[in-house]
Amino acid sequence: MGTRGATASWLFLLNHTDRAHRVPAAGVELLTGALVDTAVEVPAGGVAVVREAPAAR
């Protein structure tokens, strides 16, 4: 699920499975502060919130 504001967008990821999943994303993972270049790994039963990088115009 993603949310887009006037100047930013956020990607909220909830993993309800028993395996980690990689999800395409670019920006900053807000719970850890890690930079995300191509994908974020969401651990089993975990969550991630990515403030997405602005799209090139």
PDB file of N, CA and C in Angstrom:
ATOM      1  N   MET A   1       0.850  -1.164   0.000  1.00  0.00           N
ATOM      2  CA  MET A   1       0.000   0.000   0.000  1.00  0.00           C
ATOM      3  C   MET A   1       0.894   1.224   0.000  1.00  0.00           C
ATOM      4  N   GLY A   2       0.605   2.196  -0.806  1.00  0.00           N
ATOM      5  CA  GLY A   2       1.369   3.431  -0.844  1.00  0.00           C
ATOM      6  C   GLY A   2       0.472   4.625  -0.560  1.00  0.00           C
ATOM      7  N   THR A   3       1.092   5.689  -0.073  1.00  0.00           N
ATOM      8  CA  THR A   3       0.382   6.936   0.180  1.00  0.00           C
ATOM      9  C   THR A   3       1.183   8.049  -0.449  1.00  0.00           C
ATOM     10  N   ARG A   4       0.519   8.941  -1.174  1.00  0.00           N
ATOM     11  CA  ARG A   4       1.207  10.016  -1.859  1.00  0.00           C
ATOM     12  C   ARG A   4       0.657  11.343  -1.367  1.00  0.00           C
ATOM     13  N   GLY A   5       1.566  12.224  -0.913  1.00  0.00           N
ATOM     14  CA  GLY A   5       1.187  13.562  -0.502  1.00  0.00           C
ATOM     15  C   GLY A   5       1.546  14.545  -1.599  1.00  0.00           C
ATOM     16  N   ALA A   6       1.428  15.817  -1.304  1.00  0.00           N
ATOM     17  CA  ALA A   6       1.721  16.848  -2.299  1.00  0.00           C
ATOM     18  C   ALA A   6       3.192  16.859  -2.691  1.00  0.00           C
ATOM     19  N   THR A   7       4.087  16.557  -1.753  1.00  0.00           N
ATOM     20  CA  THR A   7       5.523  16.633  -2.047  1.00  0.00           C
ATOM     21  C   THR A   7       6.281  15.351  -1.759  1.00  0.00           C
ATOM     22  N   ALA A   8       5.615  14.321  -1.272  1.00  0.00           N
ATOM     23  CA  ALA A   8       6.312  13.080  -0.933  1.00  0.00           C
ATOM     24  C   ALA A   8       5.346  11.907  -1.025  1.00  0.00           C
ATOM     25  N   SER A   9       5.926  10.694  -1.072  1.00  0.00           N
ATOM     26  CA  SER A   9       5.099   9.493  -1.014  1.00  0.00           C
ATOM     27  C   SER A   9       5.766   8.484  -0.098  1.00  0.00           C
ATOM     28  N   TRP A  10       4.940   7.638   0.509  1.00  0.00           N
ATOM     29  CA  TRP A  10       5.410   6.646   1.449  1.00  0.00           C
ATOM     30  C   TRP A  10       4.863   5.283   1.044  1.00  0.00           C
ATOM     31  N   LEU A  11       5.688   4.266   1.238  1.00  0.00           N
ATOM     32  CA  LEU A  11       5.298   2.893   0.943  1.00  0.00           C
ATOM     33  C   LEU A  11       5.260   2.134   2.264  1.00  0.00           C
ATOM     34  N   PHE A  12       4.090   1.624   2.645  1.00  0.00           N
ATOM     35  CA  PHE A  12       3.913   0.871   3.880  1.00  0.00           C
ATOM     36  C   PHE A  12       3.842  -0.614   3.520  1.00  0.00           C
ATOM     37  N   LEU A  13       4.744  -1.406   4.089  1.00  0.00           N
ATOM     38  CA  LEU A  13       4.817  -2.825   3.764  1.00  0.00           C
ATOM     39  C   LEU A  13       4.616  -3.654   5.029  1.00  0.00           C
ATOM     40  N   LEU A  14       3.691  -4.613   4.968  1.00  0.00           N
ATOM     41  CA  LEU A  14       3.412  -5.520   6.078  1.00  0.00           C
ATOM     42  C   LEU A  14       3.564  -6.941   5.553  1.00  0.00           C
ATOM     43  N   ASN A  15       4.440  -7.715   6.165  1.00  0.00           N
ATOM     44  CA  ASN A  15       4.677  -9.085   5.724  1.00  0.00           C
ATOM     45  C   ASN A  15       4.000 -10.045   6.691  1.00  0.00           C
ATOM     46  N   HIS A  16       2.906 -10.640   6.258  1.00  0.00           N
ATOM     47  CA  HIS A  16       2.149 -11.569   7.099  1.00  0.00           C
ATOM     48  C   HIS A  16       2.584 -13.021   6.894  1.00  0.00           C
ATOM     49  N   THR A  17       3.678 -13.234   6.164  1.00  0.00           N
ATOM     50  CA  THR A  17       4.116 -14.604   5.877  1.00  0.00           C
ATOM     51  C   THR A  17       5.235 -15.025   6.825  1.00  0.00           C
ATOM     52  N   ASP A  18       5.676 -16.279   6.682  1.00  0.00           N
ATOM     53  CA  ASP A  18       6.769 -16.787   7.512  1.00  0.00           C
ATOM     54  C   ASP A  18       8.108 -16.757   6.760  1.00  0.00           C
ATOM     55  N   ARG A  19       8.170 -15.975   5.659  1.00  0.00           N
ATOM     56  CA  ARG A  19       9.409 -15.820   4.892  1.00  0.00           C
ATOM     57  C   ARG A  19       9.649 -14.345   4.596  1.00  0.00           C
ATOM     58  N   ALA A  20      10.927 -13.964   4.521  1.00  0.00           N
ATOM     59  CA  ALA A  20      11.277 -12.598   4.144  1.00  0.00           C
ATOM     60  C   ALA A  20      10.944 -12.373   2.669  1.00  0.00           C
ATOM     61  N   HIS A  21      10.619 -11.140   2.317  1.00  0.00           N
ATOM     62  CA  HIS A  21      10.313 -10.791   0.930  1.00  0.00           C
ATOM     63  C   HIS A  21      11.034  -9.509   0.551  1.00  0.00           C
ATOM     64  N   ARG A  22      11.557  -9.460  -0.693  1.00  0.00           N
ATOM     65  CA  ARG A  22      12.163  -8.251  -1.235  1.00  0.00           C
ATOM     66  C   ARG A  22      11.126  -7.547  -2.104  1.00  0.00           C
ATOM     67  N   VAL A  23      10.975  -6.240  -1.867  1.00  0.00           N
ATOM     68  CA  VAL A  23       9.978  -5.453  -2.579  1.00  0.00           C
ATOM     69  C   VAL A  23      10.696  -4.301  -3.279  1.00  0.00           C
ATOM     70  N   PRO A  24      10.474  -4.107  -4.573  1.00  0.00           N
ATOM     71  CA  PRO A  24      11.112  -2.994  -5.279  1.00  0.00           C
ATOM     72  C   PRO A  24      10.741  -1.655  -4.627  1.00  0.00           C
ATOM     73  N   ALA A  25      11.766  -0.858  -4.336  1.00  0.00           N
ATOM     74  CA  ALA A  25      11.548   0.456  -3.722  1.00  0.00           C
ATOM     75  C   ALA A  25      12.843   1.246  -3.816  1.00  0.00           C
ATOM     76  N   ALA A  26      12.714   2.564  -3.696  1.00  0.00           N
ATOM     77  CA  ALA A  26      13.885   3.445  -3.649  1.00  0.00           C
ATOM     78  C   ALA A  26      13.542   4.619  -2.749  1.00  0.00           C
ATOM     79  N   GLY A  27      14.435   4.924  -1.819  1.00  0.00           N
ATOM     80  CA  GLY A  27      14.218   6.025  -0.899  1.00  0.00           C
ATOM     81  C   GLY A  27      14.902   5.767   0.426  1.00  0.00           C
ATOM     82  N   VAL A  28      14.218   6.068   1.529  1.00  0.00           N
ATOM     83  CA  VAL A  28      14.758   5.870   2.872  1.00  0.00           C
ATOM     84  C   VAL A  28      13.771   5.030   3.671  1.00  0.00           C
ATOM     85  N   GLU A  29      14.262   3.943   4.272  1.00  0.00           N
ATOM     86  CA  GLU A  29      13.437   3.118   5.147  1.00  0.00           C
ATOM     87  C   GLU A  29      13.379   3.855   6.483  1.00  0.00           C
ATOM     88  N   LEU A  30      12.208   4.324   6.864  1.00  0.00           N
ATOM     89  CA  LEU A  30      12.079   5.246   7.987  1.00  0.00           C
ATOM     90  C   LEU A  30      12.237   4.602   9.356  1.00  0.00           C
ATOM     91  N   LEU A  31      12.033   3.308   9.489  1.00  0.00           N
ATOM     92  CA  LEU A  31      12.177   2.662  10.796  1.00  0.00           C
ATOM     93  C   LEU A  31      13.638   2.423  11.153  1.00  0.00           C
ATOM     94  N   THR A  32      14.493   2.252  10.135  1.00  0.00           N
ATOM     95  CA  THR A  32      15.919   1.990  10.384  1.00  0.00           C
ATOM     96  C   THR A  32      16.817   3.126   9.940  1.00  0.00           C
ATOM     97  N   GLY A  33      16.310   3.993   9.058  1.00  0.00           N
ATOM     98  CA  GLY A  33      17.125   5.064   8.499  1.00  0.00           C
ATOM     99  C   GLY A  33      17.997   4.624   7.340  1.00  0.00           C
ATOM    100  N   ALA A  34      17.858   3.370   6.916  1.00  0.00           N
ATOM    101  CA  ALA A  34      18.688   2.833   5.833  1.00  0.00           C
ATOM    102  C   ALA A  34      18.255   3.388   4.481  1.00  0.00           C
ATOM    103  N   LEU A  35      19.239   3.661   3.634  1.00  0.00           N
ATOM    104  CA  LEU A  35      18.949   4.064   2.260  1.00  0.00           C
ATOM    105  C   LEU A  35      18.548   2.830   1.470  1.00  0.00           C
ATOM    106  N   VAL A  36      17.558   2.973   0.619  1.00  0.00           N
ATOM    107  CA  VAL A  36      17.065   1.873  -0.217  1.00  0.00           C
ATOM    108  C   VAL A  36      17.298   2.276  -1.666  1.00  0.00           C
ATOM    109  N   ASP A  37      18.141   1.499  -2.380  1.00  0.00           N
ATOM    110  CA  ASP A  37      18.444   1.817  -3.773  1.00  0.00           C
ATOM    111  C   ASP A  37      17.498   1.149  -4.759  1.00  0.00           C
ATOM    112  N   THR A  38      17.299  -0.158  -4.603  1.00  0.00           N
ATOM    113  CA  THR A  38      16.491  -0.893  -5.577  1.00  0.00           C
ATOM    114  C   THR A  38      15.373  -1.715  -4.945  1.00  0.00           C
ATOM    115  N   ALA A  39      15.567  -2.175  -3.703  1.00  0.00           N
ATOM    116  CA  ALA A  39      14.552  -3.009  -3.045  1.00  0.00           C
ATOM    117  C   ALA A  39      14.768  -2.973  -1.536  1.00  0.00           C
ATOM    118  N   VAL A  40      13.692  -3.209  -0.807  1.00  0.00           N
ATOM    119  CA  VAL A  40      13.757  -3.320   0.650  1.00  0.00           C
ATOM    120  C   VAL A  40      13.367  -4.745   1.014  1.00  0.00           C
ATOM    121  N   GLU A  41      14.067  -5.318   1.976  1.00  0.00           N
ATOM    122  CA  GLU A  41      13.726  -6.662   2.436  1.00  0.00           C
ATOM    123  C   GLU A  41      12.878  -6.537   3.695  1.00  0.00           C
ATOM    124  N   VAL A  42      11.696  -7.143   3.645  1.00  0.00           N
ATOM    125  CA  VAL A  42      10.781  -7.126   4.783  1.00  0.00           C
ATOM    126  C   VAL A  42      10.854  -8.509   5.425  1.00  0.00           C
ATOM    127  N   PRO A  43      11.308  -8.574   6.678  1.00  0.00           N
ATOM    128  CA  PRO A  43      11.457  -9.885   7.312  1.00  0.00           C
ATOM    129  C   PRO A  43      10.116 -10.560   7.570  1.00  0.00           C
ATOM    130  N   ALA A  44      10.162 -11.854   7.817  1.00  0.00           N
ATOM    131  CA  ALA A  44       8.950 -12.608   8.144  1.00  0.00           C
ATOM    132  C   ALA A  44       8.246 -11.945   9.324  1.00  0.00           C
ATOM    133  N   GLY A  45       6.961 -11.663   9.171  1.00  0.00           N
ATOM    134  CA  GLY A  45       6.198 -11.035  10.235  1.00  0.00           C
ATOM    135  C   GLY A  45       6.564  -9.585  10.490  1.00  0.00           C
ATOM    136  N   GLY A  46       7.374  -8.990   9.603  1.00  0.00           N
ATOM    137  CA  GLY A  46       7.882  -7.642   9.823  1.00  0.00           C
ATOM    138  C   GLY A  46       7.172  -6.569   9.032  1.00  0.00           C
ATOM    139  N   VAL A  47       7.651  -5.347   9.229  1.00  0.00           N
ATOM    140  CA  VAL A  47       7.102  -4.190   8.533  1.00  0.00           C
ATOM    141  C   VAL A  47       8.237  -3.318   8.026  1.00  0.00           C
ATOM    142  N   ALA A  48       7.942  -2.481   7.042  1.00  0.00           N
ATOM    143  CA  ALA A  48       8.878  -1.468   6.550  1.00  0.00           C
ATOM    144  C   ALA A  48       8.050  -0.274   6.095  1.00  0.00           C
ATOM    145  N   VAL A  49       8.628   0.911   6.271  1.00  0.00           N
ATOM    146  CA  VAL A  49       7.998   2.141   5.790  1.00  0.00           C
ATOM    147  C   VAL A  49       9.066   2.889   5.006  1.00  0.00           C
ATOM    148  N   VAL A  50       8.826   3.083   3.715  1.00  0.00           N
ATOM    149  CA  VAL A  50       9.814   3.731   2.854  1.00  0.00           C
ATOM    150  C   VAL A  50       9.280   5.084   2.400  1.00  0.00           C
ATOM    151  N   ARG A  51      10.041   6.147   2.697  1.00  0.00           N
ATOM    152  CA  ARG A  51       9.751   7.449   2.080  1.00  0.00           C
ATOM    153  C   ARG A  51      10.406   7.381   0.721  1.00  0.00           C
ATOM    154  N   GLU A  52       9.580   7.328  -0.310  1.00  0.00           N
ATOM    155  CA  GLU A  52      10.090   7.072  -1.652  1.00  0.00           C
ATOM    156  C   GLU A  52      10.827   8.274  -2.233  1.00  0.00           C
ATOM    157  N   ALA A  53      11.857   7.958  -3.009  1.00  0.00           N
ATOM    158  CA  ALA A  53      12.620   8.989  -3.696  1.00  0.00           C
ATOM    159  C   ALA A  53      11.720   9.644  -4.742  1.00  0.00           C
ATOM    160  N   PRO A  54      11.866  10.962  -4.934  1.00  0.00           N
ATOM    161  CA  PRO A  54      11.055  11.626  -5.972  1.00  0.00           C
ATOM    162  C   PRO A  54      11.357  11.040  -7.339  1.00  0.00           C
ATOM    163  N   ALA A  55      10.342  10.906  -8.155  1.00  0.00           N
ATOM    164  CA  ALA A  55      10.525  10.405  -9.515  1.00  0.00           C
ATOM    165  C   ALA A  55      11.230  11.464 -10.355  1.00  0.00           C
ATOM    166  N   ALA A  56      12.087  11.007 -11.248  1.00  0.00           N
ATOM    167  CA  ALA A  56      12.765  11.947 -12.159  1.00  0.00           C
ATOM    168  C   ALA A  56      11.733  12.573 -13.082  1.00  0.00           C
ATOM    169  N   ARG A  57      11.848  13.868 -13.303  1.00  0.00           N
ATOM    170  CA  ARG A  57      10.885  14.560 -14.171  1.00  0.00           C
ATOM    171  C   ARG A  57      11.517  15.007 -15.438  1.00  0.00           C
TER     172      ARG A  57
END
